PDB file of N, CA and C in Angstrom:
ATOM      1  N   MET A   1      54.029 -99.115 -91.004  1.00  0.00           N
ATOM      2  CA  MET A   1      53.271 -99.961 -91.043  1.00  0.00           C
ATOM      3  C   MET A   1      51.928 -99.009 -91.085  1.00  0.00           C
ATOM      4  N   ASP A   2      50.859 -98.341 -91.209  1.00  0.00           N
ATOM      5  CA  ASP A   2      49.829 -97.824 -90.941  1.00  0.00           C
ATOM      6  C   ASP A   2      48.980 -98.066 -89.768  1.00  0.00           C
ATOM      7  N   GLU A   3      48.942 -97.242 -88.570  1.00  0.00           N
ATOM      8  CA  GLU A   3      48.576 -97.695 -87.555  1.00  0.00           C
ATOM      9  C   GLU A   3      46.827 -98.549 -87.535  1.00  0.00           C
ATOM     10  N   LEU A   4      45.951 -97.875 -88.507  1.00  0.00           N
ATOM     11  CA  LEU A   4      44.812 -98.157 -88.424  1.00  0.00           C
ATOM     12  C   LEU A   4      44.918 -99.345 -88.884  1.00  0.00           C
ATOM     13  N   THR A   5      45.406 -99.823 -89.703  1.00  0.00           N
ATOM     14  CA  THR A   5      45.589-100.968 -90.856  1.00  0.00           C
ATOM     15  C   THR A   5      45.714-101.779 -89.197  1.00  0.00           C
ATOM     16  N   GLY A   6      46.884-101.824 -89.234  1.00  0.00           N
ATOM     17  CA  GLY A   6      47.926-102.286 -88.060  1.00  0.00           C
ATOM     18  C   GLY A   6      47.106-103.005 -86.856  1.00  0.00           C
ATOM     19  N   ARG A   7      46.436-101.972 -86.554  1.00  0.00           N
ATOM     20  CA  ARG A   7      44.810-102.376 -85.802  1.00  0.00           C
ATOM     21  C   ARG A   7      44.048-102.798 -85.828  1.00  0.00           C
ATOM     22  N   LYS A   8      44.120-103.035 -86.929  1.00  0.00           N
ATOM     23  CA  LYS A   8      42.426-104.115 -87.451  1.00  0.00           C
ATOM     24  C   LYS A   8      42.880-105.382 -87.455  1.00  0.00           C
ATOM     25  N   VAL A   9      44.302-105.442 -88.198  1.00  0.00           N
ATOM     26  CA  VAL A   9      44.807-106.746 -88.618  1.00  0.00           C
ATOM     27  C   VAL A   9      44.960-107.635 -86.960  1.00  0.00           C
ATOM     28  N   ALA A  10      45.505-106.794 -86.461  1.00  0.00           N
ATOM     29  CA  ALA A  10      45.548-107.316 -84.866  1.00  0.00           C
ATOM     30  C   ALA A  10      44.487-107.364 -84.410  1.00  0.00           C
ATOM     31  N   GLU A  11      43.664-106.851 -84.098  1.00  0.00           N
ATOM     32  CA  GLU A  11      41.813-107.207 -83.602  1.00  0.00           C
ATOM     33  C   GLU A  11      41.225-108.402 -84.555  1.00  0.00           C
ATOM     34  N   SER A  12      41.485-108.215 -85.806  1.00  0.00           N
ATOM     35  CA  SER A  12      41.063-109.740 -86.392  1.00  0.00           C
ATOM     36  C   SER A  12      41.883-110.594 -86.169  1.00  0.00           C
ATOM     37  N   LEU A  13      42.740-110.734 -85.432  1.00  0.00           N
ATOM     38  CA  LEU A  13      43.702-112.289 -85.320  1.00  0.00           C
ATOM     39  C   LEU A  13      43.200-111.961 -83.830  1.00  0.00           C
ATOM     40  N   GLN A  14      42.883-111.586 -83.373  1.00  0.00           N
ATOM     41  CA  GLN A  14      42.006-111.321 -81.745  1.00  0.00           C
ATOM     42  C   GLN A  14      43.505-111.086 -80.850  1.00  0.00           C
ATOM     43  N   ILE A  15      44.218-110.336 -80.926  1.00  0.00           N
ATOM     44  CA  ILE A  15      45.714-110.053 -80.563  1.00  0.00           C
ATOM     45  C   ILE A  15      45.057-108.533 -80.082  1.00  0.00           C
ATOM     46  N   LYS A  16      45.423-108.630 -78.415  1.00  0.00           N
ATOM     47  CA  LYS A  16      44.948-107.271 -77.324  1.00  0.00           C
ATOM     48  C   LYS A  16      46.048-106.164 -78.166  1.00  0.00           C
ATOM     49  N   VAL A  17      45.439-104.975 -78.548  1.00  0.00           N
ATOM     50  CA  VAL A  17      46.172-103.693 -79.045  1.00  0.00           C
ATOM     51  C   VAL A  17      45.920-102.888 -78.065  1.00  0.00           C
ATOM     52  N   THR A  18      47.529-101.964 -77.824  1.00  0.00           N
ATOM     53  CA  THR A  18      47.417-101.004 -76.895  1.00  0.00           C
ATOM     54  C   THR A  18      47.978-100.093 -77.069  1.00  0.00           C
ATOM     55  N   GLY A  19      47.945 -99.265 -77.385  1.00  0.00           N
ATOM     56  CA  GLY A  19      48.426 -97.574 -78.007  1.00  0.00           C
ATOM     57  C   GLY A  19      49.922 -96.915 -76.817  1.00  0.00           C
ATOM     58  N   SER A  20      50.231 -96.122 -77.597  1.00  0.00           N
ATOM     59  CA  SER A  20      51.225 -95.295 -77.048  1.00  0.00           C
ATOM     60  C   SER A  20      51.340 -94.693 -75.559  1.00  0.00           C
ATOM     61  N   VAL A  21      49.903 -94.390 -75.814  1.00  0.00           N
ATOM     62  CA  VAL A  21      49.380 -93.255 -74.166  1.00  0.00           C
ATOM     63  C   VAL A  21      49.076 -94.608 -73.313  1.00  0.00           C
ATOM     64  N   GLY A  22      48.501 -95.627 -74.101  1.00  0.00           N
ATOM     65  CA  GLY A  22      47.734 -96.925 -73.103  1.00  0.00           C
ATOM     66  C   GLY A  22      49.115 -97.221 -72.431  1.00  0.00           C
ATOM     67  N   LEU A  23      50.570 -97.867 -73.196  1.00  0.00           N
ATOM     68  CA  LEU A  23      51.437 -97.936 -72.513  1.00  0.00           C
ATOM     69  C   LEU A  23      52.134 -97.535 -71.223  1.00  0.00           C
ATOM     70  N   LEU A  24      51.995 -95.644 -71.769  1.00  0.00           N
ATOM     71  CA  LEU A  24      52.485 -94.475 -70.375  1.00  0.00           C
ATOM     72  C   LEU A  24      51.557 -95.099 -69.455  1.00  0.00           C
ATOM     73  N   ILE A  25      50.324 -95.512 -69.743  1.00  0.00           N
ATOM     74  CA  ILE A  25      49.531 -95.710 -68.444  1.00  0.00           C
ATOM     75  C   ILE A  25      49.995 -96.152 -67.375  1.00  0.00           C
ATOM     76  N   GLN A  26      49.830 -97.798 -68.561  1.00  0.00           N
ATOM     77  CA  GLN A  26      50.298 -98.807 -67.651  1.00  0.00           C
ATOM     78  C   GLN A  26      51.452 -98.948 -67.116  1.00  0.00           C
ATOM     79  N   ALA A  27      52.459 -98.233 -67.449  1.00  0.00           N
ATOM     80  CA  ALA A  27      53.867 -98.007 -67.301  1.00  0.00           C
ATOM     81  C   ALA A  27      53.783 -96.969 -65.814  1.00  0.00           C
ATOM     82  N   LYS A  28      53.080 -95.869 -65.878  1.00  0.00           N
ATOM     83  CA  LYS A  28      52.363 -95.181 -64.333  1.00  0.00           C
ATOM     84  C   LYS A  28      52.289 -95.951 -63.146  1.00  0.00           C
ATOM     85  N   GLN A  29      51.060 -96.837 -63.906  1.00  0.00           N
ATOM     86  CA  GLN A  29      50.605 -97.280 -62.279  1.00  0.00           C
ATOM     87  C   GLN A  29      51.165 -98.710 -62.313  1.00  0.00           C
ATOM     88  N   GLN A  30      52.142 -99.111 -62.636  1.00  0.00           N
ATOM     89  CA  GLN A  30      53.364-100.314 -62.630  1.00  0.00           C
ATOM     90  C   GLN A  30      54.033 -99.624 -61.993  1.00  0.00           C
ATOM     91  N   GLY A  31      54.758 -98.060 -61.660  1.00  0.00           N
ATOM     92  CA  GLY A  31      55.398 -97.475 -60.944  1.00  0.00           C
ATOM     93  C   GLY A  31      57.325 -97.277 -61.666  1.00  0.00           C
ATOM     94  N   LYS A  32      56.801 -97.452 -62.863  1.00  0.00           N
ATOM     95  CA  LYS A  32      57.940 -97.607 -63.944  1.00  0.00           C
ATOM     96  C   LYS A  32      58.250 -96.101 -64.509  1.00  0.00           C
ATOM     97  N   ILE A  33      57.663 -94.859 -64.296  1.00  0.00           N
ATOM     98  CA  ILE A  33      57.386 -93.680 -64.965  1.00  0.00           C
ATOM     99  C   ILE A  33      56.444 -93.101 -63.758  1.00  0.00           C
ATOM    100  N   GLU A  34      57.214 -91.655 -63.380  1.00  0.00           N
ATOM    101  CA  GLU A  34      56.455 -90.830 -62.170  1.00  0.00           C
ATOM    102  C   GLU A  34      55.011 -90.384 -62.838  1.00  0.00           C
ATOM    103  N   ALA A  35      55.490 -89.740 -63.991  1.00  0.00           N
ATOM    104  CA  ALA A  35      54.622 -89.141 -64.635  1.00  0.00           C
ATOM    105  C   ALA A  35      54.110 -89.260 -65.944  1.00  0.00           C
ATOM    106  N   VAL A  36      52.891 -89.230 -66.523  1.00  0.00           N
ATOM    107  CA  VAL A  36      52.487 -89.547 -68.270  1.00  0.00           C
ATOM    108  C   VAL A  36      52.793 -87.420 -68.846  1.00  0.00           C
ATOM    109  N   LYS A  37      52.510 -86.440 -68.260  1.00  0.00           N
ATOM    110  CA  LYS A  37      52.078 -85.669 -69.027  1.00  0.00           C
ATOM    111  C   LYS A  37      53.485 -85.171 -69.755  1.00  0.00           C
ATOM    112  N   PRO A  38      54.332 -85.036 -69.104  1.00  0.00           N
ATOM    113  CA  PRO A  38      55.875 -84.586 -69.806  1.00  0.00           C
ATOM    114  C   PRO A  38      55.994 -85.421 -70.950  1.00  0.00           C
ATOM    115  N   LEU A  39      55.641 -86.869 -70.854  1.00  0.00           N
ATOM    116  CA  LEU A  39      55.991 -87.536 -72.327  1.00  0.00           C
ATOM    117  C   LEU A  39      54.780 -87.159 -73.077  1.00  0.00           C
ATOM    118  N   LEU A  40      53.532 -86.976 -72.363  1.00  0.00           N
ATOM    119  CA  LEU A  40      52.719 -86.488 -73.650  1.00  0.00           C
ATOM    120  C   LEU A  40      53.224 -85.137 -74.311  1.00  0.00           C
ATOM    121  N   ASP A  41      53.840 -84.399 -73.444  1.00  0.00           N
ATOM    122  CA  ASP A  41      54.171 -83.110 -74.279  1.00  0.00           C
ATOM    123  C   ASP A  41      55.151 -83.470 -74.896  1.00  0.00           C
ATOM    124  N   ALA A  42      56.048 -84.525 -74.551  1.00  0.00           N
ATOM    125  CA  ALA A  42      57.313 -84.672 -75.805  1.00  0.00           C
ATOM    126  C   ALA A  42      56.823 -85.227 -76.852  1.00  0.00           C
ATOM    127  N   MET A  43      55.848 -86.130 -77.004  1.00  0.00           N
ATOM    128  CA  MET A  43      55.019 -87.093 -78.072  1.00  0.00           C
ATOM    129  C   MET A  43      54.398 -85.603 -78.815  1.00  0.00           C
ATOM    130  N   GLN A  44      53.786 -84.587 -78.232  1.00  0.00           N
ATOM    131  CA  GLN A  44      53.166 -83.663 -78.771  1.00  0.00           C
ATOM    132  C   GLN A  44      54.117 -82.663 -79.822  1.00  0.00           C
ATOM    133  N   ALA A  45      55.306 -82.330 -78.783  1.00  0.00           N
ATOM    134  CA  ALA A  45      56.412 -81.303 -79.616  1.00  0.00           C
ATOM    135  C   ALA A  45      57.030 -82.133 -80.846  1.00  0.00           C
ATOM    136  N   ALA A  46      56.986 -83.342 -80.841  1.00  0.00           N
ATOM    137  CA  ALA A  46      58.098 -84.046 -81.722  1.00  0.00           C
ATOM    138  C   ALA A  46      56.582 -84.425 -82.916  1.00  0.00           C
ATOM    139  N   GLY A  47      55.513 -84.172 -82.751  1.00  0.00           N
ATOM    140  CA  GLY A  47      54.602 -84.062 -83.937  1.00  0.00           C
ATOM    141  C   GLY A  47      53.025 -84.739 -83.905  1.00  0.00           C
ATOM    142  N   ILE A  48      53.200 -85.673 -83.067  1.00  0.00           N
ATOM    143  CA  ILE A  48      51.841 -86.302 -82.436  1.00  0.00           C
ATOM    144  C   ILE A  48      51.037 -85.744 -81.734  1.00  0.00           C
ATOM    145  N   TYR A  49      50.030 -85.815 -82.962  1.00  0.00           N
ATOM    146  CA  TYR A  49      48.292 -84.605 -82.241  1.00  0.00           C
ATOM    147  C   TYR A  49      47.876 -85.447 -81.718  1.00  0.00           C
ATOM    148  N   PHE A  50      46.803 -85.028 -80.430  1.00  0.00           N
ATOM    149  CA  PHE A  50      45.986 -85.291 -79.409  1.00  0.00           C
ATOM    150  C   PHE A  50      45.366 -84.058 -79.043  1.00  0.00           C
ATOM    151  N   SER A  51      44.091 -84.440 -79.162  1.00  0.00           N
ATOM    152  CA  SER A  51      43.153 -83.428 -78.770  1.00  0.00           C
ATOM    153  C   SER A  51      43.465 -82.854 -77.425  1.00  0.00           C
ATOM    154  N   GLN A  52      43.054 -81.775 -77.147  1.00  0.00           N
ATOM    155  CA  GLN A  52      43.110 -81.255 -75.398  1.00  0.00           C
ATOM    156  C   GLN A  52      42.240 -81.702 -74.778  1.00  0.00           C
ATOM    157  N   ARG A  53      41.181 -82.217 -75.146  1.00  0.00           N
ATOM    158  CA  ARG A  53      40.078 -82.957 -74.429  1.00  0.00           C
ATOM    159  C   ARG A  53      40.217 -84.944 -74.390  1.00  0.00           C
ATOM    160  N   PHE A  54      41.414 -85.169 -75.197  1.00  0.00           N
ATOM    161  CA  PHE A  54      41.974 -86.427 -74.833  1.00  0.00           C
ATOM    162  C   PHE A  54      43.050 -86.480 -73.564  1.00  0.00           C
ATOM    163  N   ILE A  55      43.826 -85.397 -73.945  1.00  0.00           N
ATOM    164  CA  ILE A  55      44.871 -85.216 -73.181  1.00  0.00           C
ATOM    165  C   ILE A  55      44.022 -85.210 -71.707  1.00  0.00           C
ATOM    166  N   ALA A  56      43.472 -84.468 -71.436  1.00  0.00           N
ATOM    167  CA  ALA A  56      42.075 -84.039 -70.079  1.00  0.00           C
ATOM    168  C   ALA A  56      42.273 -85.392 -69.555  1.00  0.00           C
ATOM    169  N   ALA A  57      41.588 -85.911 -70.425  1.00  0.00           N
ATOM    170  CA  ALA A  57      40.955 -87.128 -70.322  1.00  0.00           C
ATOM    171  C   ALA A  57      41.815 -87.920 -69.340  1.00  0.00           C
ATOM    172  N   VAL A  58      43.128 -88.225 -69.968  1.00  0.00           N
ATOM    173  CA  VAL A  58      44.321 -89.005 -69.787  1.00  0.00           C
ATOM    174  C   VAL A  58      44.704 -88.778 -68.533  1.00  0.00           C
ATOM    175  N   LEU A  59      45.090 -87.247 -68.157  1.00  0.00           N
ATOM    176  CA  LEU A  59      45.551 -86.854 -67.216  1.00  0.00           C
ATOM    177  C   LEU A  59      44.713 -86.865 -66.260  1.00  0.00           C
ATOM    178  N   GLN A  60      43.579 -87.050 -66.182  1.00  0.00           N
ATOM    179  CA  GLN A  60      41.974 -87.075 -65.068  1.00  0.00           C
ATOM    180  C   GLN A  60      42.662 -88.379 -64.655  1.00  0.00           C
ATOM    181  N   TYR A  61      42.635 -89.164 -65.798  1.00  0.00           N
ATOM    182  CA  TYR A  61      42.390 -90.822 -65.026  1.00  0.00           C
ATOM    183  C   TYR A  61      44.080 -91.459 -64.520  1.00  0.00           C
ATOM    184  N   VAL A  62      45.275 -90.953 -64.699  1.00  0.00           N
ATOM    185  CA  VAL A  62      46.302 -90.969 -63.936  1.00  0.00           C
ATOM    186  C   VAL A  62      46.315 -89.858 -62.837  1.00  0.00           C
ATOM    187  N   HIS A  63      45.446 -89.092 -62.516  1.00  0.00           N
ATOM    188  CA  HIS A  63      45.605 -88.150 -61.643  1.00  0.00           C
ATOM    189  C   HIS A  63      46.441 -87.078 -61.596  1.00  0.00           C
ATOM    190  N   GLU A  64      46.266 -86.835 -62.617  1.00  0.00           N
ATOM    191  CA  GLU A  64      47.900 -85.722 -62.799  1.00  0.00           C
ATOM    192  C   GLU A  64      47.054 -84.475 -63.332  1.00  0.00           C
ATOM    193  N   SER A  65      45.736 -84.455 -63.024  1.00  0.00           N
ATOM    194  CA  SER A  65      45.195 -83.054 -63.717  1.00  0.00           C
ATOM    195  C   SER A  65      44.274 -82.269 -62.117  1.00  0.00           C
TER     196      SER A  65
END
């Protein structure tokens, strides 16, 4: 399924939407993972694109910068 289409459908049904990075942030906050950065790096190595600005903001938010 196209991610954008899925998000729009979920939001139209008033379903809360959380992306993969949001799940990583939650996992770190709950102590389920130690760090977000290695997982973001692995996602990028697998071909998922994140801007450097986005990565910097996420890492700052989870206190890894």
